[in-house]
Amino acid sequence: MARKTKQQAQETRQQILDAAVREFSERGVAATSLTDVATAAGVTRGAIYWHFKNKVDLFNEVWESTEPKIDQLETEYQAKFPDNPLRVIREILIYILTSTVEDGR
């Protein structure tokens, strides 16, 4: 079997992350197995373990990939609603839920 290039490895890693987002969104993190993610990504469980130590590591990577956008939104909404922190949280949650429904993420 030929070794994968760095580009191919990065593409596989991204496929896994995208599948994890979809599966975690649809099933919930606790109910999603690495087999579910592997099947959705079209890879083996071994491929997942090549890129991630375990499901927690995979979830943390998914979370970290969304964190910068959430930080950006927090800054934006704090400027819009400086005296209303609950409104800031509400607007961020609405954005996340809307994005989840529209993008499948």
PDB file of N, CA and C in Angstrom:
ATOM      1  N   MET A   1       0.843  -1.173   0.000  1.00  0.00           N
ATOM      2  CA  MET A   1       0.000   0.000   0.000  1.00  0.00           C
ATOM      3  C   MET A   1       0.892   1.241   0.000  1.00  0.00           C
ATOM      4  N   ALA A   2       0.594   2.196  -0.844  1.00  0.00           N
ATOM      5  CA  ALA A   2       1.399   3.406  -0.962  1.00  0.00           C
ATOM      6  C   ALA A   2       1.136   4.350   0.208  1.00  0.00           C
ATOM      7  N   ARG A   3       2.177   5.052   0.609  1.00  0.00           N
ATOM      8  CA  ARG A   3       2.023   6.043   1.677  1.00  0.00           C
ATOM      9  C   ARG A   3       1.264   7.246   1.150  1.00  0.00           C
ATOM     10  N   LYS A   4       0.509   7.849   2.011  1.00  0.00           N
ATOM     11  CA  LYS A   4      -0.238   9.039   1.618  1.00  0.00           C
ATOM     12  C   LYS A   4       0.652  10.266   1.713  1.00  0.00           C
ATOM     13  N   THR A   5       0.388  11.200   0.844  1.00  0.00           N
ATOM     14  CA  THR A   5       1.103  12.468   0.918  1.00  0.00           C
ATOM     15  C   THR A   5       0.525  13.290   2.068  1.00  0.00           C
ATOM     16  N   LYS A   6       1.242  14.347   2.442  1.00  0.00           N
ATOM     17  CA  LYS A   6       0.735  15.226   3.498  1.00  0.00           C
ATOM     18  C   LYS A   6      -0.618  15.805   3.106  1.00  0.00           C
ATOM     19  N   GLN A   7      -0.748  16.162   1.839  1.00  0.00           N
ATOM     20  CA  GLN A   7      -2.014  16.725   1.342  1.00  0.00           C
ATOM     21  C   GLN A   7      -3.143  15.710   1.514  1.00  0.00           C
ATOM     22  N   GLN A   8      -2.900  14.462   1.136  1.00  0.00           N
ATOM     23  CA  GLN A   8      -3.930  13.428   1.269  1.00  0.00           C
ATOM     24  C   GLN A   8      -4.269  13.184   2.741  1.00  0.00           C
ATOM     25  N   ALA A   9      -3.252  13.200   3.582  1.00  0.00           N
ATOM     26  CA  ALA A   9      -3.481  13.002   5.015  1.00  0.00           C
ATOM     27  C   ALA A   9      -4.327  14.140   5.581  1.00  0.00           C
ATOM     28  N   GLN A  10      -4.050  15.370   5.160  1.00  0.00           N
ATOM     29  CA  GLN A  10      -4.839  16.519   5.610  1.00  0.00           C
ATOM     30  C   GLN A  10      -6.278  16.421   5.117  1.00  0.00           C
ATOM     31  N   GLU A  11      -6.457  15.968   3.882  1.00  0.00           N
ATOM     32  CA  GLU A  11      -7.806  15.808   3.334  1.00  0.00           C
ATOM     33  C   GLU A  11      -8.580  14.746   4.116  1.00  0.00           C
ATOM     34  N   THR A  12      -7.910  13.644   4.437  1.00  0.00           N
ATOM     35  CA  THR A  12      -8.551  12.586   5.226  1.00  0.00           C
ATOM     36  C   THR A  12      -8.925  13.116   6.602  1.00  0.00           C
ATOM     37  N   ARG A  13      -8.021  13.846   7.216  1.00  0.00           N
ATOM     38  CA  ARG A  13      -8.275  14.429   8.536  1.00  0.00           C
ATOM     39  C   ARG A  13      -9.500  15.343   8.483  1.00  0.00           C
ATOM     40  N   GLN A  14      -9.576  16.167   7.435  1.00  0.00           N
ATOM     41  CA  GLN A  14     -10.712  17.079   7.304  1.00  0.00           C
ATOM     42  C   GLN A  14     -12.010  16.314   7.055  1.00  0.00           C
ATOM     43  N   GLN A  15     -11.944  15.238   6.269  1.00  0.00           N
ATOM     44  CA  GLN A  15     -13.127  14.392   6.056  1.00  0.00           C
ATOM     45  C   GLN A  15     -13.635  13.851   7.392  1.00  0.00           C
ATOM     46  N   ILE A  16     -12.709  13.423   8.228  1.00  0.00           N
ATOM     47  CA  ILE A  16     -13.070  12.885   9.541  1.00  0.00           C
ATOM     48  C   ILE A  16     -13.717  13.973  10.394  1.00  0.00           C
ATOM     49  N   LEU A  17     -13.123  15.159  10.411  1.00  0.00           N
ATOM     50  CA  LEU A  17     -13.681  16.261  11.196  1.00  0.00           C
ATOM     51  C   LEU A  17     -15.079  16.638  10.709  1.00  0.00           C
ATOM     52  N   ASP A  18     -15.255  16.726   9.395  1.00  0.00           N
ATOM     53  CA  ASP A  18     -16.569  17.070   8.834  1.00  0.00           C
ATOM     54  C   ASP A  18     -17.608  16.016   9.192  1.00  0.00           C
ATOM     55  N   ALA A  19     -17.226  14.755   9.082  1.00  0.00           N
ATOM     56  CA  ALA A  19     -18.146  13.664   9.428  1.00  0.00           C
ATOM     57  C   ALA A  19     -18.468  13.692  10.919  1.00  0.00           C
ATOM     58  N   ALA A  20     -17.473  13.985  11.745  1.00  0.00           N
ATOM     59  CA  ALA A  20     -17.698  14.050  13.192  1.00  0.00           C
ATOM     60  C   ALA A  20     -18.697  15.153  13.530  1.00  0.00           C
ATOM     61  N   VAL A  21     -18.562  16.295  12.895  1.00  0.00           N
ATOM     62  CA  VAL A  21     -19.506  17.388  13.137  1.00  0.00           C
ATOM     63  C   VAL A  21     -20.921  16.948  12.789  1.00  0.00           C
ATOM     64  N   ARG A  22     -21.083  16.322  11.631  1.00  0.00           N
ATOM     65  CA  ARG A  22     -22.413  15.858  11.208  1.00  0.00           C
ATOM     66  C   ARG A  22     -22.969  14.816  12.176  1.00  0.00           C
ATOM     67  N   GLU A  23     -22.146  13.827  12.500  1.00  0.00           N
ATOM     68  CA  GLU A  23     -22.612  12.746  13.373  1.00  0.00           C
ATOM     69  C   GLU A  23     -22.896  13.245  14.789  1.00  0.00           C
ATOM     70  N   PHE A  24     -22.015  14.079  15.334  1.00  0.00           N
ATOM     71  CA  PHE A  24     -22.237  14.628  16.670  1.00  0.00           C
ATOM     72  C   PHE A  24     -23.513  15.467  16.688  1.00  0.00           C
ATOM     73  N   SER A  25     -23.760  16.217  15.608  1.00  0.00           N
ATOM     74  CA  SER A  25     -24.964  17.053  15.528  1.00  0.00           C
ATOM     75  C   SER A  25     -26.223  16.209  15.456  1.00  0.00           C
ATOM     76  N   GLU A  26     -26.169  15.141  14.670  1.00  0.00           N
ATOM     77  CA  GLU A  26     -27.355  14.303  14.467  1.00  0.00           C
ATOM     78  C   GLU A  26     -27.635  13.372  15.644  1.00  0.00           C
ATOM     79  N   ARG A  27     -26.593  12.734  16.169  1.00  0.00           N
ATOM     80  CA  ARG A  27     -26.777  11.697  17.185  1.00  0.00           C
ATOM     81  C   ARG A  27     -26.494  12.172  18.606  1.00  0.00           C
ATOM     82  N   GLY A  28     -25.724  13.233  18.713  1.00  0.00           N
ATOM     83  CA  GLY A  28     -25.196  13.645  20.007  1.00  0.00           C
ATOM     84  C   GLY A  28     -23.823  13.017  20.184  1.00  0.00           C
ATOM     85  N   VAL A  29     -22.982  13.665  20.939  1.00  0.00           N
ATOM     86  CA  VAL A  29     -21.607  13.184  21.103  1.00  0.00           C
ATOM     87  C   VAL A  29     -21.577  11.827  21.798  1.00  0.00           C
ATOM     88  N   ALA A  30     -22.331  11.686  22.877  1.00  0.00           N
ATOM     89  CA  ALA A  30     -22.303  10.436  23.646  1.00  0.00           C
ATOM     90  C   ALA A  30     -22.784   9.247  22.826  1.00  0.00           C
ATOM     91  N   ALA A  31     -23.766   9.461  21.967  1.00  0.00           N
ATOM     92  CA  ALA A  31     -24.347   8.357  21.187  1.00  0.00           C
ATOM     93  C   ALA A  31     -23.582   8.056  19.904  1.00  0.00           C
ATOM     94  N   THR A  32     -22.603   8.873  19.569  1.00  0.00           N
ATOM     95  CA  THR A  32     -21.834   8.673  18.343  1.00  0.00           C
ATOM     96  C   THR A  32     -20.577   7.868  18.640  1.00  0.00           C
ATOM     97  N   SER A  33     -20.389   6.786  17.909  1.00  0.00           N
ATOM     98  CA  SER A  33     -19.172   5.983  18.070  1.00  0.00           C
ATOM     99  C   SER A  33     -18.164   6.387  16.997  1.00  0.00           C
ATOM    100  N   LEU A  34     -16.928   6.005  17.206  1.00  0.00           N
ATOM    101  CA  LEU A  34     -15.920   6.266  16.183  1.00  0.00           C
ATOM    102  C   LEU A  34     -16.214   5.467  14.916  1.00  0.00           C
ATOM    103  N   THR A  35     -16.877   4.341  15.056  1.00  0.00           N
ATOM    104  CA  THR A  35     -17.304   3.571  13.887  1.00  0.00           C
ATOM    105  C   THR A  35     -18.311   4.380  13.079  1.00  0.00           C
ATOM    106  N   ASP A  36     -19.234   5.062  13.759  1.00  0.00           N
ATOM    107  CA  ASP A  36     -20.195   5.930  13.068  1.00  0.00           C
ATOM    108  C   ASP A  36     -19.466   7.013  12.275  1.00  0.00           C
ATOM    109  N   VAL A  37     -18.497   7.635  12.908  1.00  0.00           N
ATOM    110  CA  VAL A  37     -17.736   8.703  12.253  1.00  0.00           C
ATOM    111  C   VAL A  37     -16.950   8.141  11.072  1.00  0.00           C
ATOM    112  N   ALA A  38     -16.304   6.999  11.274  1.00  0.00           N
ATOM    113  CA  ALA A  38     -15.522   6.382  10.200  1.00  0.00           C
ATOM    114  C   ALA A  38     -16.399   6.058   8.998  1.00  0.00           C
ATOM    115  N   THR A  39     -17.553   5.468   9.250  1.00  0.00           N
ATOM    116  CA  THR A  39     -18.472   5.122   8.166  1.00  0.00           C
ATOM    117  C   THR A  39     -18.913   6.375   7.421  1.00  0.00           C
ATOM    118  N   ALA A  40     -19.284   7.411   8.162  1.00  0.00           N
ATOM    119  CA  ALA A  40     -19.737   8.660   7.543  1.00  0.00           C
ATOM    120  C   ALA A  40     -18.625   9.332   6.740  1.00  0.00           C
ATOM    121  N   ALA A  41     -17.390   9.180   7.201  1.00  0.00           N
ATOM    122  CA  ALA A  41     -16.249   9.799   6.516  1.00  0.00           C
ATOM    123  C   ALA A  41     -15.716   8.940   5.377  1.00  0.00           C
ATOM    124  N   GLY A  42     -16.136   7.683   5.343  1.00  0.00           N
ATOM    125  CA  GLY A  42     -15.631   6.780   4.313  1.00  0.00           C
ATOM    126  C   GLY A  42     -14.200   6.341   4.561  1.00  0.00           C
ATOM    127  N   VAL A  43     -13.852   6.236   5.852  1.00  0.00           N
ATOM    128  CA  VAL A  43     -12.500   5.805   6.227  1.00  0.00           C
ATOM    129  C   VAL A  43     -12.609   4.669   7.245  1.00  0.00           C
ATOM    130  N   THR A  44     -11.478   4.110   7.617  1.00  0.00           N
ATOM    131  CA  THR A  44     -11.462   3.063   8.638  1.00  0.00           C
ATOM    132  C   THR A  44     -11.311   3.702  10.022  1.00  0.00           C
ATOM    133  N   ARG A  45     -11.620   2.921  11.050  1.00  0.00           N
ATOM    134  CA  ARG A  45     -11.372   3.405  12.414  1.00  0.00           C
ATOM    135  C   ARG A  45      -9.881   3.656  12.614  1.00  0.00           C
ATOM    136  N   GLY A  46      -9.069   2.842  11.968  1.00  0.00           N
ATOM    137  CA  GLY A  46      -7.620   3.035  12.058  1.00  0.00           C
ATOM    138  C   GLY A  46      -7.195   4.409  11.570  1.00  0.00           C
ATOM    139  N   ALA A  47      -7.860   4.893  10.522  1.00  0.00           N
ATOM    140  CA  ALA A  47      -7.553   6.234  10.010  1.00  0.00           C
ATOM    141  C   ALA A  47      -7.882   7.295  11.057  1.00  0.00           C
ATOM    142  N   ILE A  48      -8.978   7.070  11.768  1.00  0.00           N
ATOM    143  CA  ILE A  48      -9.331   8.023  12.828  1.00  0.00           C
ATOM    144  C   ILE A  48      -8.257   8.006  13.906  1.00  0.00           C
ATOM    145  N   TYR A  49      -7.838   6.808  14.322  1.00  0.00           N
ATOM    146  CA  TYR A  49      -6.819   6.710  15.370  1.00  0.00           C
ATOM    147  C   TYR A  49      -5.453   7.206  14.899  1.00  0.00           C
ATOM    148  N   TRP A  50      -5.219   7.241  13.621  1.00  0.00           N
ATOM    149  CA  TRP A  50      -3.973   7.799  13.092  1.00  0.00           C
ATOM    150  C   TRP A  50      -3.937   9.305  13.366  1.00  0.00           C
ATOM    151  N   HIS A  51      -5.106   9.948  13.238  1.00  0.00           N
ATOM    152  CA  HIS A  51      -5.185  11.399  13.380  1.00  0.00           C
ATOM    153  C   HIS A  51      -5.582  11.868  14.780  1.00  0.00           C
ATOM    154  N   PHE A  52      -6.305  11.027  15.526  1.00  0.00           N
ATOM    155  CA  PHE A  52      -6.835  11.423  16.833  1.00  0.00           C
ATOM    156  C   PHE A  52      -6.644  10.286  17.831  1.00  0.00           C
ATOM    157  N   LYS A  53      -6.330  10.630  19.085  1.00  0.00           N
ATOM    158  CA  LYS A  53      -6.099   9.601  20.106  1.00  0.00           C
ATOM    159  C   LYS A  53      -7.365   8.816  20.429  1.00  0.00           C
ATOM    160  N   ASN A  54      -8.492   9.532  20.486  1.00  0.00           N
ATOM    161  CA  ASN A  54      -9.760   8.915  20.884  1.00  0.00           C
ATOM    162  C   ASN A  54     -10.900   9.875  20.548  1.00  0.00           C
ATOM    163  N   LYS A  55     -12.101   9.532  20.950  1.00  0.00           N
ATOM    164  CA  LYS A  55     -13.261  10.368  20.632  1.00  0.00           C
ATOM    165  C   LYS A  55     -13.167  11.730  21.319  1.00  0.00           C
ATOM    166  N   VAL A  56     -12.643  11.757  22.523  1.00  0.00           N
ATOM    167  CA  VAL A  56     -12.492  13.031  23.232  1.00  0.00           C
ATOM    168  C   VAL A  56     -11.556  13.952  22.461  1.00  0.00           C
ATOM    169  N   ASP A  57     -10.457  13.409  21.982  1.00  0.00           N
ATOM    170  CA  ASP A  57      -9.504  14.187  21.195  1.00  0.00           C
ATOM    171  C   ASP A  57     -10.173  14.715  19.918  1.00  0.00           C
ATOM    172  N   LEU A  58     -10.947  13.875  19.264  1.00  0.00           N
ATOM    173  CA  LEU A  58     -11.674  14.275  18.056  1.00  0.00           C
ATOM    174  C   LEU A  58     -12.668  15.383  18.386  1.00  0.00           C
ATOM    175  N   PHE A  59     -13.443  15.217  19.449  1.00  0.00           N
ATOM    176  CA  PHE A  59     -14.412  16.241  19.842  1.00  0.00           C
ATOM    177  C   PHE A  59     -13.714  17.561  20.159  1.00  0.00           C
ATOM    178  N   ASN A  60     -12.604  17.495  20.887  1.00  0.00           N
ATOM    179  CA  ASN A  60     -11.868  18.718  21.221  1.00  0.00           C
ATOM    180  C   ASN A  60     -11.414  19.456  19.971  1.00  0.00           C
ATOM    181  N   GLU A  61     -10.993  18.717  18.980  1.00  0.00           N
ATOM    182  CA  GLU A  61     -10.570  19.331  17.718  1.00  0.00           C
ATOM    183  C   GLU A  61     -11.759  19.992  17.016  1.00  0.00           C
ATOM    184  N   VAL A  62     -12.903  19.329  17.029  1.00  0.00           N
ATOM    185  CA  VAL A  62     -14.120  19.912  16.449  1.00  0.00           C
ATOM    186  C   VAL A  62     -14.452  21.207  17.186  1.00  0.00           C
ATOM    187  N   TRP A  63     -14.412  21.160  18.503  1.00  0.00           N
ATOM    188  CA  TRP A  63     -14.736  22.341  19.305  1.00  0.00           C
ATOM    189  C   TRP A  63     -13.771  23.485  19.009  1.00  0.00           C
ATOM    190  N   GLU A  64     -12.480  23.179  18.982  1.00  0.00           N
ATOM    191  CA  GLU A  64     -11.474  24.212  18.744  1.00  0.00           C
ATOM    192  C   GLU A  64     -11.627  24.849  17.372  1.00  0.00           C
ATOM    193  N   SER A  65     -12.133  24.099  16.410  1.00  0.00           N
ATOM    194  CA  SER A  65     -12.304  24.666  15.067  1.00  0.00           C
ATOM    195  C   SER A  65     -13.449  25.672  15.017  1.00  0.00           C
ATOM    196  N   THR A  66     -14.399  25.577  15.944  1.00  0.00           N
ATOM    197  CA  THR A  66     -15.521  26.521  15.968  1.00  0.00           C
ATOM    198  C   THR A  66     -15.300  27.662  16.951  1.00  0.00           C
ATOM    199  N   GLU A  67     -14.377  27.491  17.857  1.00  0.00           N
ATOM    200  CA  GLU A  67     -14.163  28.479  18.910  1.00  0.00           C
ATOM    201  C   GLU A  67     -13.802  29.876  18.392  1.00  0.00           C
ATOM    202  N   PRO A  68     -12.927  30.025  17.384  1.00  0.00           N
ATOM    203  CA  PRO A  68     -12.611  31.381  16.909  1.00  0.00           C
ATOM    204  C   PRO A  68     -13.840  32.143  16.406  1.00  0.00           C
ATOM    205  N   LYS A  69     -14.735  31.459  15.710  1.00  0.00           N
ATOM    206  CA  LYS A  69     -15.951  32.118  15.219  1.00  0.00           C
ATOM    207  C   LYS A  69     -16.823  32.543  16.393  1.00  0.00           C
ATOM    208  N   ILE A  70     -16.934  31.703  17.400  1.00  0.00           N
ATOM    209  CA  ILE A  70     -17.735  32.041  18.576  1.00  0.00           C
ATOM    210  C   ILE A  70     -17.118  33.238  19.302  1.00  0.00           C
ATOM    211  N   ASP A  71     -15.793  33.267  19.407  1.00  0.00           N
ATOM    212  CA  ASP A  71     -15.115  34.408  20.034  1.00  0.00           C
ATOM    213  C   ASP A  71     -15.397  35.694  19.265  1.00  0.00           C
ATOM    214  N   GLN A  72     -15.365  35.595  17.938  1.00  0.00           N
ATOM    215  CA  GLN A  72     -15.645  36.751  17.083  1.00  0.00           C
ATOM    216  C   GLN A  72     -17.085  37.240  17.302  1.00  0.00           C
ATOM    217  N   LEU A  73     -18.019  36.299  17.344  1.00  0.00           N
ATOM    218  CA  LEU A  73     -19.420  36.662  17.570  1.00  0.00           C
ATOM    219  C   LEU A  73     -19.610  37.303  18.940  1.00  0.00           C
ATOM    220  N   GLU A  74     -18.927  36.758  19.932  1.00  0.00           N
ATOM    221  CA  GLU A  74     -19.038  37.313  21.281  1.00  0.00           C
ATOM    222  C   GLU A  74     -18.596  38.772  21.294  1.00  0.00           C
ATOM    223  N   THR A  75     -17.486  39.064  20.639  1.00  0.00           N
ATOM    224  CA  THR A  75     -16.989  40.438  20.566  1.00  0.00           C
ATOM    225  C   THR A  75     -17.996  41.342  19.857  1.00  0.00           C
ATOM    226  N   GLU A  76     -18.522  40.864  18.728  1.00  0.00           N
ATOM    227  CA  GLU A  76     -19.519  41.630  17.965  1.00  0.00           C
ATOM    228  C   GLU A  76     -20.751  41.932  18.798  1.00  0.00           C
ATOM    229  N   TYR A  77     -21.304  40.894  19.420  1.00  0.00           N
ATOM    230  CA  TYR A  77     -22.546  41.066  20.168  1.00  0.00           C
ATOM    231  C   TYR A  77     -22.339  41.851  21.461  1.00  0.00           C
ATOM    232  N   GLN A  78     -21.163  41.768  22.051  1.00  0.00           N
ATOM    233  CA  GLN A  78     -20.894  42.579  23.240  1.00  0.00           C
ATOM    234  C   GLN A  78     -20.871  44.061  22.872  1.00  0.00           C
ATOM    235  N   ALA A  79     -20.374  44.363  21.671  1.00  0.00           N
ATOM    236  CA  ALA A  79     -20.382  45.754  21.207  1.00  0.00           C
ATOM    237  C   ALA A  79     -21.811  46.224  20.924  1.00  0.00           C
ATOM    238  N   LYS A  80     -22.635  45.336  20.372  1.00  0.00           N
ATOM    239  CA  LYS A  80     -24.030  45.688  20.060  1.00  0.00           C
ATOM    240  C   LYS A  80     -24.894  45.818  21.310  1.00  0.00           C
ATOM    241  N   PHE A  81     -24.662  44.936  22.275  1.00  0.00           N
ATOM    242  CA  PHE A  81     -25.487  44.879  23.484  1.00  0.00           C
ATOM    243  C   PHE A  81     -24.601  44.952  24.733  1.00  0.00           C
ATOM    244  N   PRO A  82     -23.921  46.088  24.937  1.00  0.00           N
ATOM    245  CA  PRO A  82     -22.940  46.160  26.031  1.00  0.00           C
ATOM    246  C   PRO A  82     -23.530  45.988  27.431  1.00  0.00           C
ATOM    247  N   ASP A  83     -24.787  46.327  27.594  1.00  0.00           N
ATOM    248  CA  ASP A  83     -25.398  46.245  28.926  1.00  0.00           C
ATOM    249  C   ASP A  83     -26.311  45.040  29.094  1.00  0.00           C
ATOM    250  N   ASN A  84     -26.220  44.096  28.161  1.00  0.00           N
ATOM    251  CA  ASN A  84     -27.148  42.967  28.204  1.00  0.00           C
ATOM    252  C   ASN A  84     -26.419  41.652  27.895  1.00  0.00           C
ATOM    253  N   PRO A  85     -25.666  41.107  28.869  1.00  0.00           N
ATOM    254  CA  PRO A  85     -24.902  39.877  28.617  1.00  0.00           C
ATOM    255  C   PRO A  85     -25.782  38.676  28.265  1.00  0.00           C
ATOM    256  N   LEU A  86     -27.000  38.640  28.793  1.00  0.00           N
ATOM    257  CA  LEU A  86     -27.892  37.529  28.434  1.00  0.00           C
ATOM    258  C   LEU A  86     -28.294  37.607  26.964  1.00  0.00           C
ATOM    259  N   ARG A  87     -28.455  38.804  26.455  1.00  0.00           N
ATOM    260  CA  ARG A  87     -28.776  38.973  25.031  1.00  0.00           C
ATOM    261  C   ARG A  87     -27.603  38.500  24.175  1.00  0.00           C
ATOM    262  N   VAL A  88     -26.392  38.774  24.626  1.00  0.00           N
ATOM    263  CA  VAL A  88     -25.192  38.314  23.910  1.00  0.00           C
ATOM    264  C   VAL A  88     -25.208  36.794  23.811  1.00  0.00           C
ATOM    265  N   ILE A  89     -25.449  36.127  24.924  1.00  0.00           N
ATOM    266  CA  ILE A  89     -25.494  34.657  24.936  1.00  0.00           C
ATOM    267  C   ILE A  89     -26.613  34.158  24.032  1.00  0.00           C
ATOM    268  N   ARG A  90     -27.768  34.791  24.133  1.00  0.00           N
ATOM    269  CA  ARG A  90     -28.918  34.395  23.311  1.00  0.00           C
ATOM    270  C   ARG A  90     -28.587  34.499  21.822  1.00  0.00           C
ATOM    271  N   GLU A  91     -27.998  35.609  21.412  1.00  0.00           N
ATOM    272  CA  GLU A  91     -27.673  35.817  19.995  1.00  0.00           C
ATOM    273  C   GLU A  91     -26.645  34.791  19.508  1.00  0.00           C
ATOM    274  N   ILE A  92     -25.668  34.483  20.340  1.00  0.00           N
ATOM    275  CA  ILE A  92     -24.667  33.473  19.966  1.00  0.00           C
ATOM    276  C   ILE A  92     -25.332  32.110  19.809  1.00  0.00           C
ATOM    277  N   LEU A  93     -26.193  31.750  20.744  1.00  0.00           N
ATOM    278  CA  LEU A  93     -26.894  30.461  20.655  1.00  0.00           C
ATOM    279  C   LEU A  93     -27.788  30.397  19.421  1.00  0.00           C
ATOM    280  N   ILE A  94     -28.472  31.480  19.116  1.00  0.00           N
ATOM    281  CA  ILE A  94     -29.300  31.510  17.906  1.00  0.00           C
ATOM    282  C   ILE A  94     -28.428  31.293  16.677  1.00  0.00           C
ATOM    283  N   TYR A  95     -27.280  31.958  16.637  1.00  0.00           N
ATOM    284  CA  TYR A  95     -26.370  31.782  15.503  1.00  0.00           C
ATOM    285  C   TYR A  95     -25.926  30.323  15.386  1.00  0.00           C
ATOM    286  N   ILE A  96     -25.522  29.733  16.495  1.00  0.00           N
ATOM    287  CA  ILE A  96     -25.043  28.344  16.479  1.00  0.00           C
ATOM    288  C   ILE A  96     -26.148  27.400  16.032  1.00  0.00           C
ATOM    289  N   LEU A  97     -27.334  27.554  16.584  1.00  0.00           N
ATOM    290  CA  LEU A  97     -28.444  26.670  16.218  1.00  0.00           C
ATOM    291  C   LEU A  97     -28.848  26.848  14.758  1.00  0.00           C
ATOM    292  N   THR A  98     -28.900  28.082  14.295  1.00  0.00           N
ATOM    293  CA  THR A  98     -29.235  28.342  12.894  1.00  0.00           C
ATOM    294  C   THR A  98     -28.184  27.734  11.975  1.00  0.00           C
ATOM    295  N   SER A  99     -26.927  27.914  12.319  1.00  0.00           N
ATOM    296  CA  SER A  99     -25.841  27.339  11.510  1.00  0.00           C
ATOM    297  C   SER A  99     -25.913  25.826  11.484  1.00  0.00           C
ATOM    298  N   THR A 100     -26.258  25.236  12.611  1.00  0.00           N
ATOM    299  CA  THR A 100     -26.364  23.779  12.690  1.00  0.00           C
ATOM    300  C   THR A 100     -27.446  23.271  11.755  1.00  0.00           C
ATOM    301  N   VAL A 101     -28.572  23.930  11.754  1.00  0.00           N
ATOM    302  CA  VAL A 101     -29.689  23.507  10.905  1.00  0.00           C
ATOM    303  C   VAL A 101     -29.376  23.744   9.434  1.00  0.00           C
ATOM    304  N   GLU A 102     -28.840  24.910   9.109  1.00  0.00           N
ATOM    305  CA  GLU A 102     -28.602  25.263   7.711  1.00  0.00           C
ATOM    306  C   GLU A 102     -27.390  24.558   7.115  1.00  0.00           C
ATOM    307  N   ASP A 103     -26.315  24.449   7.884  1.00  0.00           N
ATOM    308  CA  ASP A 103     -25.070  23.877   7.374  1.00  0.00           C
ATOM    309  C   ASP A 103     -24.880  22.423   7.753  1.00  0.00           C
ATOM    310  N   GLY A 104     -25.710  21.901   8.620  1.00  0.00           N
ATOM    311  CA  GLY A 104     -25.507  20.547   9.115  1.00  0.00           C
ATOM    312  C   GLY A 104     -24.352  20.453  10.078  1.00  0.00           C
ATOM    313  N   ARG A 105     -23.935  21.583  10.619  1.00  0.00           N
ATOM    314  CA  ARG A 105     -22.809  21.610  11.556  1.00  0.00           C
ATOM    315  C   ARG A 105     -23.271  21.974  12.918  1.00  0.00           C
TER     316      ARG A 105
END
